Amino acid sequence: MSASTGCRIEVEPRPPELGGGWRLRLIEDGAEVGGGIFPPTTDDPEAMDAYADALTAGYEWTNSRSRQ
């Protein structure tokens, strides 16, 4: 969490019955203000490309909030 903005991210796995991948939550001052779904990019369950994409998007968001 960025102490100056109260922003944080959460990246959680999605259940296989929902297609797998990862869910990104963007949280500001305790409220979810956005996010996204990052589906698996391959059939390999060990592949972490979607997780890395979610983290990158989350870090870009927190960085943009700290510059405001």
Foldseek 3Di string as FASTA:
>chain_A
DDPVWQWDKDWDWDDVVVQTAIWIFIDTPRDTDDTDGQHDPDPDPPDCPSVVVRVVVNVVVVVVRVVD
